[in-house]
Protein backbone atom coordinates (compact mmCIF):
# COMPACT_ATOMS: atom_id res chain seq x y z
CA MET A 1 5.51 1.14 -24.00
CA LYS A 2 3.83 -1.37 -21.26
CA VAL A 3 0.07 -1.79 -20.28
CA SER A 4 -1.40 -3.20 -16.77
CA ASN A 5 -4.09 -3.54 -15.44
CA LEU A 6 -4.25 -3.58 -11.36
CA ASN A 7 -6.89 -6.01 -11.41
CA LYS A 8 -4.99 -8.63 -13.20
CA ALA A 9 -1.43 -8.05 -12.03
CA PRO A 10 0.24 -10.76 -10.60
CA VAL A 11 -0.44 -11.60 -6.75
CA LEU A 12 2.66 -10.92 -4.55
CA GLU A 13 3.16 -13.30 -2.07
CA ASN A 14 3.37 -12.28 1.33
CA ALA A 15 3.20 -13.19 4.97
CA LEU A 16 0.05 -11.76 5.71
CA GLY A 17 -2.02 -13.43 3.05
CA LEU A 18 -3.10 -9.84 1.79
CA ASP A 19 -4.16 -9.61 -1.58
CA ALA A 20 -1.53 -7.31 -3.24
CA ARG A 21 -0.51 -7.27 -6.33
CA VAL A 22 2.75 -5.33 -8.28
CA ALA A 23 1.31 -3.71 -11.14
CA ALA A 24 4.87 -2.35 -12.50
CA SER A 25 8.21 -2.35 -11.18
CA ALA A 26 11.45 -1.15 -12.19
CA GLN A 27 15.09 0.28 -10.44
CA GLU A 28 13.44 3.96 -9.91
CA ALA A 29 9.84 3.06 -8.34
CA GLU A 30 7.60 -0.06 -7.50
CA LEU A 31 3.94 0.54 -8.02
CA VAL A 32 1.92 -2.06 -5.43
CA GLN A 33 -1.78 -2.31 -5.03
CA PHE A 34 -3.16 -4.20 -2.07
CA THR A 35 -7.01 -4.79 -0.99
CA LEU A 36 -7.93 -5.06 2.55
CA SER A 37 -11.45 -6.22 3.39
CA PRO A 38 -13.48 -3.84 6.18
CA GLY A 39 -11.65 -4.79 9.78
CA GLU A 40 -8.71 -6.21 8.15
CA VAL A 41 -5.20 -4.87 9.26
CA ILE A 42 -1.15 -4.37 8.10
CA PRO A 43 0.42 -4.07 11.14
CA PRO A 44 3.13 -1.51 11.19
CA HIS A 45 6.33 -2.07 9.72
CA PRO A 46 9.17 -0.22 7.84
CA MET A 47 10.05 0.26 4.85
CA PRO A 48 13.59 1.36 3.87
CA VAL A 49 12.50 3.46 0.63
CA ARG A 50 10.16 6.26 0.46
CA VAL A 51 6.09 5.37 -0.36
CA PHE A 52 3.16 7.49 -1.78
CA PHE A 53 0.14 5.59 -1.00
CA ILE A 54 -3.16 6.66 -2.98
CA VAL A 55 -6.53 5.64 -1.82
CA LEU A 56 -8.49 4.12 -4.66
CA GLU A 57 -11.22 3.05 -3.25
CA GLY A 58 -12.71 2.53 0.75
CA GLU A 59 -11.97 4.09 4.04
CA GLY A 60 -9.09 3.11 5.88
CA GLU A 61 -6.77 4.38 9.11
CA ILE A 62 -3.11 5.20 8.34
CA THR A 63 -0.69 4.80 11.53
CA VAL A 64 3.18 6.12 10.97
CA ASP A 65 5.23 6.05 13.68
CA GLY A 66 2.30 5.64 16.10
CA TYR A 67 0.21 8.17 14.87
CA SER A 68 -2.85 7.70 13.00
CA GLU A 69 -5.48 9.44 10.85
CA ALA A 70 -8.25 8.43 8.68
CA ALA A 71 -7.71 8.04 4.35
CA THR A 72 -10.11 8.34 2.17
CA VAL A 73 -10.19 8.02 -1.48
CA ASN A 74 -8.24 10.33 -3.70
CA ASP A 75 -5.99 10.79 -0.33
CA VAL A 76 -2.20 11.11 -0.90
CA ILE A 77 0.07 10.49 1.88
CA GLU A 78 3.63 10.15 1.56
CA ILE A 79 5.95 8.21 4.32
CA GLU A 80 9.66 9.15 4.68
CA PRO A 81 12.12 5.99 4.36
CA GLY A 82 12.03 3.95 7.77
CA ALA A 83 8.83 5.40 8.81
CA GLN A 84 6.70 2.44 10.98
CA ARG A 85 3.23 2.52 8.92
CA GLY A 86 0.42 0.00 9.03
CA TRP A 87 -3.20 0.10 7.33
CA LYS A 88 -6.45 -1.18 8.49
CA SER A 89 -9.91 -1.20 6.75
CA VAL A 90 -12.24 0.95 8.68
CA GLY A 91 -15.21 1.30 6.22
CA LYS A 92 -18.52 -0.87 5.23
CA GLU A 93 -16.78 -1.59 1.83
CA ASN A 94 -13.05 -3.20 0.76
CA LEU A 95 -9.99 -0.35 1.03
CA ARG A 96 -7.93 -0.49 -2.03
CA VAL A 97 -4.48 1.56 -2.00
CA LEU A 98 -1.81 1.94 -4.49
CA ALA A 99 1.96 2.24 -3.23
CA VAL A 100 4.31 3.69 -4.92
CA LYS A 101 7.57 2.87 -3.70
CA THR A 102 10.71 4.58 -4.84
CA PRO A 103 12.96 3.46 -5.61
CA ARG A 104 12.24 -0.31 -5.53
CA PRO A 105 13.18 -1.62 -2.24
CA ILE A 106 15.66 -4.36 -2.77
CA ILE A 107 14.58 -7.36 -0.04
CA ASN A 108 16.67 -10.01 0.65
């Protein structure tokens, strides 16, 4: 058994300087928690694998292939491989989201 804490997971280096943390990673799946401050944005980008997003805290807006929808606590959003998706924190508090990628993406 392996136990991890989302808030103590190592920070994932990224070009946007986001607070993104790898909570768990195996060949079958990867769990990444990211936190956006109010107004902070992750621009639309593709991912070559299926992604499930679970909103843990806050209010956000997710855009998938040009279509935007509100996302709040306990919403689970499934994104098909290759779809362009991005996030915006729209509330007064931080937006905290858990991304479950399956299988774990291989990015060069």
